[in-house]
Amino acid sequence: MRKIAILAALAAATVAAPAFAQDAAPGEARVEVRGGIAWAEGAEEAFAGVAVGYDFDLGDTAFIGVEAAADKVLAEDTDVFWTIGGRVGAKVGDAGRAYVLGGYGFADGDDGAFAGAGYQHNLGEKVYAKVEYRRTLVEGPDVNFAGVGVGLRF
């Protein structure tokens, strides 16, 4: 029940964020697909996922954002790892964003915080690519995710 209440509150904040952004600061919504390698306790497997988010501009040099995502380790008997969280970072040049991220996630039987860092680079007016590392701090063994993604901004 605690997980459901936390996720409901965070989901409401994520859905309300684009409307808030129009009043407070310019920003942009984004959707992406991603994949890479996940590893824990000497085992590694590929993963694939999707994410949706919104980044708020904090002037010419910084941003803050919210994100909801689903990632699946591509191994038998693994569940989707659902996350909701945020990121804060610096704008790098005209096309880049370096950031740290964190939040809360859960899969069947495991839940906990995650933290990481990444870099996103615009490839055109609406398309971006990114590299990212995340470490889950769940009740079971911690899992590391290193991946790449491609997305659309709007």
N, C-alpha and C. Protein backbone atom coordinates (compact mmCIF):
# COMPACT_ATOMS: atom_id res chain seq x y z
N MET A 1 0.82 -1.19 0.00
CA MET A 1 0.00 0.00 0.00
C MET A 1 0.87 1.26 0.00
N ARG A 2 1.97 1.22 0.75
CA ARG A 2 2.87 2.37 0.80
C ARG A 2 3.43 2.68 -0.58
N LYS A 3 3.80 1.63 -1.34
CA LYS A 3 4.33 1.82 -2.68
C LYS A 3 3.31 2.51 -3.58
N ILE A 4 2.06 2.06 -3.50
CA ILE A 4 1.01 2.62 -4.34
C ILE A 4 0.78 4.09 -4.00
N ALA A 5 0.76 4.44 -2.73
CA ALA A 5 0.55 5.83 -2.32
C ALA A 5 1.70 6.72 -2.80
N ILE A 6 2.92 6.24 -2.65
CA ILE A 6 4.08 7.03 -3.09
C ILE A 6 4.05 7.23 -4.60
N LEU A 7 3.81 6.14 -5.34
CA LEU A 7 3.78 6.25 -6.79
C LEU A 7 2.62 7.12 -7.28
N ALA A 8 1.48 7.05 -6.63
CA ALA A 8 0.34 7.89 -7.02
C ALA A 8 0.67 9.36 -6.83
N ALA A 9 1.29 9.70 -5.72
CA ALA A 9 1.66 11.10 -5.47
C ALA A 9 2.70 11.57 -6.47
N LEU A 10 3.71 10.74 -6.74
CA LEU A 10 4.74 11.14 -7.69
C LEU A 10 4.19 11.21 -9.11
N ALA A 11 3.30 10.29 -9.48
CA ALA A 11 2.69 10.33 -10.80
C ALA A 11 1.86 11.59 -10.98
N ALA A 12 1.12 11.98 -9.95
CA ALA A 12 0.33 13.21 -10.02
C ALA A 12 1.24 14.42 -10.23
N ALA A 13 2.38 14.43 -9.55
CA ALA A 13 3.32 15.53 -9.72
C ALA A 13 3.90 15.54 -11.13
N THR A 14 4.18 14.36 -11.67
CA THR A 14 4.73 14.27 -13.02
C THR A 14 3.72 14.74 -14.05
N VAL A 15 2.46 14.34 -13.91
CA VAL A 15 1.43 14.75 -14.85
C VAL A 15 1.18 16.25 -14.75
N ALA A 16 1.22 16.81 -13.56
CA ALA A 16 0.97 18.24 -13.37
C ALA A 16 2.16 19.09 -13.78
N ALA A 17 3.33 18.51 -13.87
CA ALA A 17 4.55 19.29 -14.14
C ALA A 17 4.50 20.09 -15.44
N PRO A 18 4.03 19.52 -16.59
CA PRO A 18 4.01 20.34 -17.80
C PRO A 18 3.11 21.56 -17.67
N ALA A 19 1.96 21.44 -17.02
CA ALA A 19 1.08 22.59 -16.84
C ALA A 19 1.75 23.63 -15.96
N PHE A 20 2.41 23.19 -14.90
CA PHE A 20 3.12 24.10 -14.01
C PHE A 20 4.24 24.82 -14.76
N ALA A 21 4.91 24.10 -15.64
CA ALA A 21 6.05 24.67 -16.36
C ALA A 21 5.63 25.83 -17.24
N GLN A 22 4.42 25.78 -17.80
CA GLN A 22 3.97 26.87 -18.65
C GLN A 22 3.83 28.17 -17.86
N ASP A 23 3.49 28.05 -16.57
CA ASP A 23 3.33 29.23 -15.74
C ASP A 23 4.66 29.70 -15.15
N ALA A 24 5.56 28.77 -14.82
CA ALA A 24 6.75 29.11 -14.06
C ALA A 24 7.97 29.35 -14.93
N ALA A 25 8.31 28.44 -15.78
CA ALA A 25 9.54 28.54 -16.55
C ALA A 25 9.39 27.74 -17.83
N PRO A 26 10.10 28.15 -18.88
CA PRO A 26 10.03 27.36 -20.10
C PRO A 26 10.69 25.99 -19.89
N GLY A 27 10.25 25.04 -20.66
CA GLY A 27 10.81 23.71 -20.57
C GLY A 27 10.38 22.88 -21.75
N GLU A 28 10.60 21.55 -21.63
CA GLU A 28 10.24 20.68 -22.74
C GLU A 28 9.91 19.28 -22.23
N ALA A 29 8.92 18.68 -22.87
CA ALA A 29 8.58 17.29 -22.59
C ALA A 29 9.48 16.40 -23.45
N ARG A 30 9.64 15.14 -23.01
CA ARG A 30 10.47 14.21 -23.78
C ARG A 30 9.97 12.79 -23.59
N VAL A 31 10.19 11.96 -24.61
CA VAL A 31 9.93 10.53 -24.57
C VAL A 31 11.16 9.84 -25.16
N GLU A 32 11.47 8.64 -24.65
CA GLU A 32 12.67 7.96 -25.14
C GLU A 32 12.55 6.45 -25.04
N VAL A 33 13.37 5.78 -25.83
CA VAL A 33 13.62 4.35 -25.69
C VAL A 33 15.08 4.21 -25.32
N ARG A 34 15.40 3.14 -24.57
CA ARG A 34 16.78 2.98 -24.11
C ARG A 34 17.09 1.50 -23.91
N GLY A 35 18.36 1.22 -23.84
CA GLY A 35 18.79 -0.15 -23.62
C GLY A 35 20.25 -0.17 -23.24
N GLY A 36 20.71 -1.34 -22.79
CA GLY A 36 22.10 -1.47 -22.39
C GLY A 36 22.33 -2.74 -21.61
N ILE A 37 23.22 -2.67 -20.65
CA ILE A 37 23.61 -3.82 -19.84
C ILE A 37 23.25 -3.55 -18.37
N ALA A 38 22.69 -4.56 -17.73
CA ALA A 38 22.43 -4.53 -16.29
C ALA A 38 23.26 -5.63 -15.66
N TRP A 39 23.84 -5.35 -14.48
CA TRP A 39 24.63 -6.38 -13.82
C TRP A 39 24.50 -6.29 -12.31
N ALA A 40 24.64 -7.48 -11.68
CA ALA A 40 24.60 -7.60 -10.22
C ALA A 40 25.17 -8.96 -9.83
N GLU A 41 25.92 -8.98 -8.77
CA GLU A 41 26.47 -10.20 -8.21
C GLU A 41 27.12 -11.12 -9.25
N GLY A 42 27.89 -10.54 -10.16
CA GLY A 42 28.63 -11.32 -11.14
C GLY A 42 27.86 -11.73 -12.38
N ALA A 43 26.57 -11.45 -12.45
CA ALA A 43 25.77 -11.79 -13.63
C ALA A 43 25.43 -10.51 -14.38
N GLU A 44 25.35 -10.62 -15.70
CA GLU A 44 24.95 -9.46 -16.50
C GLU A 44 24.00 -9.90 -17.60
N GLU A 45 23.08 -8.99 -17.94
CA GLU A 45 22.07 -9.24 -18.96
C GLU A 45 21.76 -7.91 -19.65
N ALA A 46 21.23 -7.99 -20.84
CA ALA A 46 20.77 -6.81 -21.55
C ALA A 46 19.47 -6.32 -20.92
N PHE A 47 19.19 -5.02 -21.08
CA PHE A 47 17.90 -4.47 -20.65
C PHE A 47 17.38 -3.54 -21.73
N ALA A 48 16.07 -3.32 -21.74
CA ALA A 48 15.42 -2.37 -22.64
C ALA A 48 14.37 -1.63 -21.84
N GLY A 49 14.11 -0.38 -22.23
CA GLY A 49 13.14 0.40 -21.48
C GLY A 49 12.60 1.59 -22.24
N VAL A 50 11.65 2.26 -21.60
CA VAL A 50 11.04 3.48 -22.12
C VAL A 50 10.93 4.47 -20.97
N ALA A 51 10.88 5.75 -21.32
CA ALA A 51 10.74 6.80 -20.29
C ALA A 51 9.99 7.98 -20.88
N VAL A 52 9.33 8.72 -20.00
CA VAL A 52 8.68 9.97 -20.35
C VAL A 52 9.06 10.98 -19.26
N GLY A 53 9.30 12.22 -19.66
CA GLY A 53 9.70 13.20 -18.67
C GLY A 53 9.44 14.62 -19.11
N TYR A 54 9.76 15.53 -18.22
CA TYR A 54 9.64 16.96 -18.51
C TYR A 54 10.78 17.67 -17.81
N ASP A 55 11.51 18.51 -18.57
CA ASP A 55 12.62 19.29 -18.03
C ASP A 55 12.24 20.76 -17.98
N PHE A 56 12.51 21.39 -16.84
CA PHE A 56 12.26 22.81 -16.64
C PHE A 56 13.57 23.56 -16.80
N ASP A 57 13.59 24.59 -17.62
CA ASP A 57 14.79 25.43 -17.76
C ASP A 57 14.95 26.30 -16.53
N LEU A 58 16.19 26.37 -16.02
CA LEU A 58 16.52 27.24 -14.89
C LEU A 58 17.53 28.28 -15.35
N GLY A 59 17.22 28.93 -16.45
CA GLY A 59 18.14 29.91 -17.01
C GLY A 59 19.00 29.31 -18.11
N ASP A 60 20.11 30.00 -18.41
CA ASP A 60 20.97 29.58 -19.51
C ASP A 60 21.90 28.43 -19.19
N THR A 61 22.06 28.09 -17.90
CA THR A 61 23.08 27.12 -17.55
C THR A 61 22.58 25.88 -16.81
N ALA A 62 21.32 25.83 -16.38
CA ALA A 62 20.87 24.71 -15.55
C ALA A 62 19.45 24.28 -15.91
N PHE A 63 19.09 23.09 -15.46
CA PHE A 63 17.74 22.56 -15.65
C PHE A 63 17.43 21.58 -14.52
N ILE A 64 16.13 21.30 -14.35
CA ILE A 64 15.66 20.30 -13.40
C ILE A 64 14.50 19.58 -14.09
N GLY A 65 14.36 18.28 -13.84
CA GLY A 65 13.32 17.54 -14.53
C GLY A 65 12.72 16.42 -13.71
N VAL A 66 11.58 15.91 -14.19
CA VAL A 66 10.91 14.76 -13.62
C VAL A 66 10.83 13.68 -14.69
N GLU A 67 10.76 12.40 -14.24
CA GLU A 67 10.73 11.30 -15.20
C GLU A 67 10.03 10.09 -14.61
N ALA A 68 9.28 9.39 -15.44
CA ALA A 68 8.71 8.09 -15.11
C ALA A 68 9.21 7.11 -16.16
N ALA A 69 9.59 5.89 -15.74
CA ALA A 69 10.19 4.95 -16.68
C ALA A 69 9.85 3.51 -16.33
N ALA A 70 10.04 2.65 -17.32
CA ALA A 70 9.89 1.21 -17.14
C ALA A 70 11.06 0.54 -17.86
N ASP A 71 11.83 -0.27 -17.13
CA ASP A 71 12.97 -0.98 -17.71
C ASP A 71 12.81 -2.47 -17.43
N LYS A 72 13.17 -3.30 -18.40
CA LYS A 72 13.05 -4.76 -18.28
C LYS A 72 14.39 -5.41 -18.59
N VAL A 73 14.91 -6.14 -17.61
CA VAL A 73 16.09 -6.96 -17.86
C VAL A 73 15.64 -8.11 -18.73
N LEU A 74 16.34 -8.35 -19.84
CA LEU A 74 15.91 -9.32 -20.83
C LEU A 74 16.38 -10.73 -20.49
N ALA A 75 16.01 -11.18 -19.31
CA ALA A 75 16.33 -12.52 -18.84
C ALA A 75 15.04 -13.17 -18.34
N GLU A 76 15.01 -14.48 -18.37
CA GLU A 76 13.84 -15.21 -17.92
C GLU A 76 13.56 -14.92 -16.44
N ASP A 77 12.29 -14.83 -16.11
CA ASP A 77 11.83 -14.63 -14.72
C ASP A 77 12.26 -13.29 -14.12
N THR A 78 12.35 -12.25 -14.93
CA THR A 78 12.60 -10.91 -14.39
C THR A 78 11.36 -10.05 -14.62
N ASP A 79 11.14 -9.13 -13.72
CA ASP A 79 9.99 -8.24 -13.81
C ASP A 79 10.42 -6.88 -14.33
N VAL A 80 9.44 -6.11 -14.79
CA VAL A 80 9.69 -4.73 -15.19
C VAL A 80 10.02 -3.92 -13.93
N PHE A 81 11.04 -3.08 -14.01
CA PHE A 81 11.42 -2.20 -12.91
C PHE A 81 10.83 -0.82 -13.23
N TRP A 82 9.82 -0.41 -12.49
CA TRP A 82 9.12 0.86 -12.66
C TRP A 82 9.78 1.91 -11.78
N THR A 83 10.06 3.09 -12.34
CA THR A 83 10.70 4.14 -11.56
C THR A 83 10.01 5.48 -11.78
N ILE A 84 10.13 6.32 -10.78
CA ILE A 84 9.73 7.71 -10.90
C ILE A 84 10.76 8.52 -10.12
N GLY A 85 11.20 9.61 -10.72
CA GLY A 85 12.24 10.38 -10.06
C GLY A 85 12.49 11.70 -10.75
N GLY A 86 13.68 12.20 -10.52
CA GLY A 86 14.03 13.49 -11.08
C GLY A 86 15.49 13.56 -11.44
N ARG A 87 15.83 14.63 -12.11
CA ARG A 87 17.22 14.88 -12.48
C ARG A 87 17.48 16.37 -12.41
N VAL A 88 18.71 16.72 -12.15
CA VAL A 88 19.14 18.11 -12.10
C VAL A 88 20.50 18.17 -12.77
N GLY A 89 20.71 19.23 -13.55
CA GLY A 89 21.99 19.27 -14.25
C GLY A 89 22.33 20.60 -14.84
N ALA A 90 23.42 20.56 -15.59
CA ALA A 90 23.98 21.75 -16.24
C ALA A 90 23.88 21.62 -17.75
N LYS A 91 23.57 22.72 -18.39
CA LYS A 91 23.59 22.75 -19.85
C LYS A 91 25.05 22.88 -20.27
N VAL A 92 25.45 22.06 -21.24
CA VAL A 92 26.82 22.01 -21.71
C VAL A 92 26.83 22.45 -23.17
N GLY A 93 27.37 23.63 -23.43
CA GLY A 93 27.35 24.16 -24.78
C GLY A 93 25.92 24.42 -25.25
N ASP A 94 25.73 24.40 -26.56
CA ASP A 94 24.40 24.64 -27.12
C ASP A 94 23.53 23.39 -27.18
N ALA A 95 24.14 22.20 -27.07
CA ALA A 95 23.37 20.98 -27.33
C ALA A 95 23.43 19.92 -26.24
N GLY A 96 24.19 20.13 -25.17
CA GLY A 96 24.36 19.06 -24.18
C GLY A 96 23.75 19.35 -22.84
N ARG A 97 23.53 18.27 -22.09
CA ARG A 97 23.04 18.35 -20.71
C ARG A 97 23.71 17.25 -19.89
N ALA A 98 24.48 17.64 -18.90
CA ALA A 98 25.07 16.69 -17.95
C ALA A 98 24.22 16.74 -16.69
N TYR A 99 23.93 15.57 -16.10
CA TYR A 99 22.98 15.56 -14.99
C TYR A 99 23.24 14.42 -14.01
N VAL A 100 22.70 14.59 -12.81
CA VAL A 100 22.59 13.52 -11.82
C VAL A 100 21.10 13.24 -11.67
N LEU A 101 20.79 12.01 -11.28
CA LEU A 101 19.39 11.63 -11.17
C LEU A 101 19.17 10.75 -9.96
N GLY A 102 17.94 10.67 -9.55
CA GLY A 102 17.58 9.81 -8.43
C GLY A 102 16.09 9.70 -8.31
N GLY A 103 15.65 8.72 -7.52
CA GLY A 103 14.23 8.53 -7.33
C GLY A 103 13.93 7.22 -6.65
N TYR A 104 12.76 6.71 -6.93
CA TYR A 104 12.26 5.50 -6.28
C TYR A 104 11.75 4.54 -7.34
N GLY A 105 11.98 3.24 -7.16
CA GLY A 105 11.51 2.26 -8.12
C GLY A 105 11.07 0.98 -7.45
N PHE A 106 10.33 0.18 -8.22
CA PHE A 106 9.91 -1.11 -7.68
C PHE A 106 9.68 -2.11 -8.81
N ALA A 107 9.87 -3.36 -8.48
CA ALA A 107 9.50 -4.50 -9.29
C ALA A 107 8.83 -5.47 -8.33
N ASP A 108 8.26 -6.53 -8.83
CA ASP A 108 7.57 -7.48 -7.96
C ASP A 108 8.51 -8.00 -6.88
N GLY A 109 8.26 -7.61 -5.65
CA GLY A 109 9.06 -8.09 -4.53
C GLY A 109 10.24 -7.23 -4.14
N ASP A 110 10.67 -6.31 -4.97
CA ASP A 110 11.82 -5.45 -4.67
C ASP A 110 11.43 -4.00 -4.87
N ASP A 111 11.87 -3.14 -3.96
CA ASP A 111 11.67 -1.71 -4.14
C ASP A 111 12.78 -0.97 -3.43
N GLY A 112 12.97 0.27 -3.83
CA GLY A 112 13.98 1.09 -3.20
C GLY A 112 14.40 2.25 -4.08
N ALA A 113 15.38 2.97 -3.62
CA ALA A 113 15.87 4.16 -4.30
C ALA A 113 16.81 3.79 -5.44
N PHE A 114 17.04 4.75 -6.33
CA PHE A 114 18.07 4.61 -7.35
C PHE A 114 18.77 5.96 -7.49
N ALA A 115 20.00 5.93 -7.97
CA ALA A 115 20.78 7.15 -8.20
C ALA A 115 21.68 6.91 -9.40
N GLY A 116 22.09 7.99 -10.05
CA GLY A 116 22.96 7.84 -11.21
C GLY A 116 23.37 9.17 -11.80
N ALA A 117 23.91 9.09 -13.01
CA ALA A 117 24.36 10.27 -13.74
C ALA A 117 24.29 9.98 -15.23
N GLY A 118 24.24 11.05 -16.03
CA GLY A 118 24.17 10.85 -17.47
C GLY A 118 24.52 12.09 -18.24
N TYR A 119 24.53 11.92 -19.56
CA TYR A 119 24.77 13.03 -20.48
C TYR A 119 23.82 12.86 -21.66
N GLN A 120 23.11 13.93 -22.00
CA GLN A 120 22.17 13.96 -23.12
C GLN A 120 22.67 14.98 -24.14
N HIS A 121 22.62 14.63 -25.43
CA HIS A 121 23.11 15.53 -26.47
C HIS A 121 22.07 15.62 -27.59
N ASN A 122 21.71 16.84 -27.95
CA ASN A 122 20.76 17.06 -29.03
C ASN A 122 21.41 16.71 -30.36
N LEU A 123 20.67 15.93 -31.18
CA LEU A 123 21.15 15.56 -32.51
C LEU A 123 20.50 16.39 -33.59
N GLY A 124 19.54 17.16 -33.23
CA GLY A 124 18.80 18.01 -34.15
C GLY A 124 17.83 18.84 -33.33
N GLU A 125 16.84 19.40 -34.02
CA GLU A 125 15.90 20.27 -33.33
C GLU A 125 15.06 19.51 -32.30
N LYS A 126 14.68 18.27 -32.57
CA LYS A 126 13.79 17.52 -31.68
C LYS A 126 14.34 16.18 -31.20
N VAL A 127 15.44 15.69 -31.75
CA VAL A 127 15.97 14.36 -31.44
C VAL A 127 17.20 14.49 -30.54
N TYR A 128 17.32 13.58 -29.56
CA TYR A 128 18.51 13.56 -28.71
C TYR A 128 18.98 12.12 -28.51
N ALA A 129 20.23 11.99 -28.13
CA ALA A 129 20.81 10.71 -27.73
C ALA A 129 21.38 10.91 -26.33
N LYS A 130 21.51 9.81 -25.57
CA LYS A 130 22.04 9.95 -24.22
C LYS A 130 22.78 8.69 -23.81
N VAL A 131 23.66 8.86 -22.82
CA VAL A 131 24.31 7.76 -22.13
C VAL A 131 24.01 7.98 -20.65
N GLU A 132 23.81 6.85 -19.92
CA GLU A 132 23.39 7.00 -18.53
C GLU A 132 23.81 5.79 -17.72
N TYR A 133 24.14 6.05 -16.46
CA TYR A 133 24.42 4.99 -15.49
C TYR A 133 23.48 5.17 -14.30
N ARG A 134 22.87 4.07 -13.86
CA ARG A 134 22.01 4.09 -12.67
C ARG A 134 22.34 2.89 -11.79
N ARG A 135 22.22 3.08 -10.51
CA ARG A 135 22.39 1.98 -9.54
C ARG A 135 21.13 1.94 -8.69
N THR A 136 20.49 0.78 -8.68
CA THR A 136 19.31 0.61 -7.85
C THR A 136 19.74 0.15 -6.47
N LEU A 137 19.10 0.67 -5.47
CA LEU A 137 19.39 0.33 -4.08
C LEU A 137 18.15 -0.36 -3.51
N VAL A 138 17.82 -1.51 -4.09
CA VAL A 138 16.59 -2.22 -3.75
C VAL A 138 16.81 -3.16 -2.57
N GLU A 139 15.73 -3.78 -2.11
CA GLU A 139 15.81 -4.69 -0.98
C GLU A 139 16.68 -5.91 -1.26
N GLY A 140 16.69 -6.38 -2.51
CA GLY A 140 17.56 -7.49 -2.91
C GLY A 140 18.93 -6.96 -3.27
N PRO A 141 19.66 -7.67 -4.11
CA PRO A 141 20.99 -7.16 -4.51
C PRO A 141 20.86 -5.88 -5.34
N ASP A 142 21.77 -4.93 -5.12
CA ASP A 142 21.80 -3.71 -5.93
C ASP A 142 22.08 -4.10 -7.38
N VAL A 143 21.42 -3.42 -8.32
CA VAL A 143 21.60 -3.69 -9.75
C VAL A 143 22.13 -2.42 -10.41
N ASN A 144 23.13 -2.57 -11.26
CA ASN A 144 23.71 -1.48 -12.03
C ASN A 144 23.15 -1.51 -13.45
N PHE A 145 22.83 -0.35 -13.99
CA PHE A 145 22.35 -0.21 -15.36
C PHE A 145 23.27 0.78 -16.08
N ALA A 146 23.85 0.39 -17.20
CA ALA A 146 24.61 1.31 -18.05
C ALA A 146 24.00 1.20 -19.44
N GLY A 147 23.56 2.33 -19.97
CA GLY A 147 22.87 2.23 -21.24
C GLY A 147 22.94 3.49 -22.08
N VAL A 148 22.32 3.37 -23.25
CA VAL A 148 22.19 4.47 -24.19
C VAL A 148 20.72 4.60 -24.54
N GLY A 149 20.35 5.77 -25.00
CA GLY A 149 18.96 6.00 -25.38
C GLY A 149 18.85 7.00 -26.50
N VAL A 150 17.70 7.01 -27.12
CA VAL A 150 17.37 8.01 -28.14
C VAL A 150 15.95 8.47 -27.87
N GLY A 151 15.72 9.77 -28.03
CA GLY A 151 14.40 10.30 -27.69
C GLY A 151 14.00 11.49 -28.53
N LEU A 152 12.75 11.91 -28.30
CA LEU A 152 12.17 13.08 -28.95
C LEU A 152 11.82 14.11 -27.89
N ARG A 153 12.09 15.38 -28.19
CA ARG A 153 11.72 16.50 -27.33
C ARG A 153 10.58 17.25 -27.99
N PHE A 154 9.64 17.73 -27.19
CA PHE A 154 8.55 18.54 -27.73
C PHE A 154 7.99 19.48 -26.69
